Amino acid sequence: MKRLGKISLYAAMLFLSTTGGIFAQPPPPEEIPVDGGAALLLGAGAAYAIKKYRDYRKKKNQ
């Protein structure tokens, strides 16, 4: 029984020592900027959709 008490105490100490770092971090910013990578991804998706649509229309007219 003493062994179980020691293990529980060590586990509680480990848990409490690791949770302190969670609250020390600053809150995330309110606004997340849309950088160039997201704009490039959006542009590439639009270009791919236009290409697929044109290929579909070309195949449909043949």
C-alpha atoms as a PDB file:
ATOM      1  CA  MET A   1       0.000   0.000   0.000  1.00  0.00           C
ATOM      2  CA  LYS A   2       2.885   2.384   0.695  1.00  0.00           C
ATOM      3  CA  ARG A   3       4.242   1.704  -2.766  1.00  0.00           C
ATOM      4  CA  LEU A   4       0.927   2.691  -4.341  1.00  0.00           C
ATOM      5  CA  GLY A   5       0.931   5.902  -2.293  1.00  0.00           C
ATOM      6  CA  LYS A   6       4.452   6.795  -3.479  1.00  0.00           C
ATOM      7  CA  ILE A   7       3.555   6.094  -7.084  1.00  0.00           C
ATOM      8  CA  SER A   8       0.431   8.233  -6.774  1.00  0.00           C
ATOM      9  CA  LEU A   9       2.415  11.054  -5.186  1.00  0.00           C
ATOM     10  CA  TYR A  10       5.068  10.964  -7.918  1.00  0.00           C
ATOM     11  CA  ALA A  11       2.418  10.855 -10.626  1.00  0.00           C
ATOM     12  CA  ALA A  12       0.609  13.835  -9.100  1.00  0.00           C
ATOM     13  CA  MET A  13       3.865  15.794  -8.822  1.00  0.00           C
ATOM     14  CA  LEU A  14       4.749  15.019 -12.436  1.00  0.00           C
ATOM     15  CA  PHE A  15       1.282  16.020 -13.639  1.00  0.00           C
ATOM     16  CA  LEU A  16       1.266  19.278 -11.693  1.00  0.00           C
ATOM     17  CA  SER A  17       4.757  20.229 -12.809  1.00  0.00           C
ATOM     18  CA  THR A  18       3.918  19.754 -16.497  1.00  0.00           C
ATOM     19  CA  THR A  19       0.599  21.611 -16.460  1.00  0.00           C
ATOM     20  CA  GLY A  20       2.222  24.839 -15.289  1.00  0.00           C
ATOM     21  CA  GLY A  21       3.759  25.407 -18.716  1.00  0.00           C
ATOM     22  CA  ILE A  22       0.397  25.335 -20.419  1.00  0.00           C
ATOM     23  CA  PHE A  23      -0.807  28.516 -18.740  1.00  0.00           C
ATOM     24  CA  ALA A  24       2.485  30.362 -19.191  1.00  0.00           C
ATOM     25  CA  GLN A  25       1.971  30.710 -22.953  1.00  0.00           C
ATOM     26  CA  PRO A  26       0.490  33.933 -24.303  1.00  0.00           C
ATOM     27  CA  PRO A  27      -2.954  33.774 -25.897  1.00  0.00           C
ATOM     28  CA  PRO A  28      -3.066  33.380 -29.692  1.00  0.00           C
ATOM     29  CA  PRO A  29      -3.546  36.525 -31.775  1.00  0.00           C
ATOM     30  CA  GLU A  30      -7.106  37.530 -32.601  1.00  0.00           C
ATOM     31  CA  GLU A  31      -6.533  37.893 -36.352  1.00  0.00           C
ATOM     32  CA  ILE A  32      -4.565  35.391 -38.387  1.00  0.00           C
ATOM     33  CA  PRO A  33      -3.015  36.992 -41.468  1.00  0.00           C
ATOM     34  CA  VAL A  34      -3.541  35.319 -44.825  1.00  0.00           C
ATOM     35  CA  ASP A  35      -0.058  35.030 -46.216  1.00  0.00           C
ATOM     36  CA  GLY A  36       1.105  34.478 -49.775  1.00  0.00           C
ATOM     37  CA  GLY A  37       0.983  30.692 -49.485  1.00  0.00           C
ATOM     38  CA  ALA A  38      -2.766  30.627 -48.968  1.00  0.00           C
ATOM     39  CA  ALA A  39      -3.285  33.041 -51.872  1.00  0.00           C
ATOM     40  CA  LEU A  40      -1.121  30.872 -54.141  1.00  0.00           C
ATOM     41  CA  LEU A  41      -3.045  27.775 -53.129  1.00  0.00           C
ATOM     42  CA  LEU A  42      -6.355  29.500 -53.836  1.00  0.00           C
ATOM     43  CA  GLY A  43      -5.106  30.727 -57.218  1.00  0.00           C
ATOM     44  CA  ALA A  44      -3.808  27.281 -58.186  1.00  0.00           C
ATOM     45  CA  GLY A  45      -7.151  25.722 -57.250  1.00  0.00           C
ATOM     46  CA  ALA A  46      -9.035  28.270 -59.369  1.00  0.00           C
ATOM     47  CA  ALA A  47      -6.719  27.699 -62.348  1.00  0.00           C
ATOM     48  CA  TYR A  48      -7.156  23.932 -62.046  1.00  0.00           C
ATOM     49  CA  ALA A  49     -10.940  24.286 -61.906  1.00  0.00           C
ATOM     50  CA  ILE A  50     -10.957  26.492 -65.020  1.00  0.00           C
ATOM     51  CA  LYS A  51      -8.762  23.987 -66.882  1.00  0.00           C
ATOM     52  CA  LYS A  52     -11.022  21.082 -65.937  1.00  0.00           C
ATOM     53  CA  TYR A  53     -14.112  23.035 -67.003  1.00  0.00           C
ATOM     54  CA  ARG A  54     -12.580  23.941 -70.377  1.00  0.00           C
ATOM     55  CA  ASP A  55     -11.517  20.320 -70.953  1.00  0.00           C
ATOM     56  CA  TYR A  56     -15.046  19.188 -70.089  1.00  0.00           C
ATOM     57  CA  ARG A  57     -16.614  21.655 -72.541  1.00  0.00           C
ATOM     58  CA  LYS A  58     -14.140  20.707 -75.288  1.00  0.00           C
ATOM     59  CA  LYS A  59     -14.866  16.990 -74.799  1.00  0.00           C
ATOM     60  CA  LYS A  60     -18.636  17.641 -74.717  1.00  0.00           C
ATOM     61  CA  ASN A  61     -18.566  19.550 -78.058  1.00  0.00           C
ATOM     62  CA  GLN A  62     -16.655  16.827 -79.914  1.00  0.00           C
END
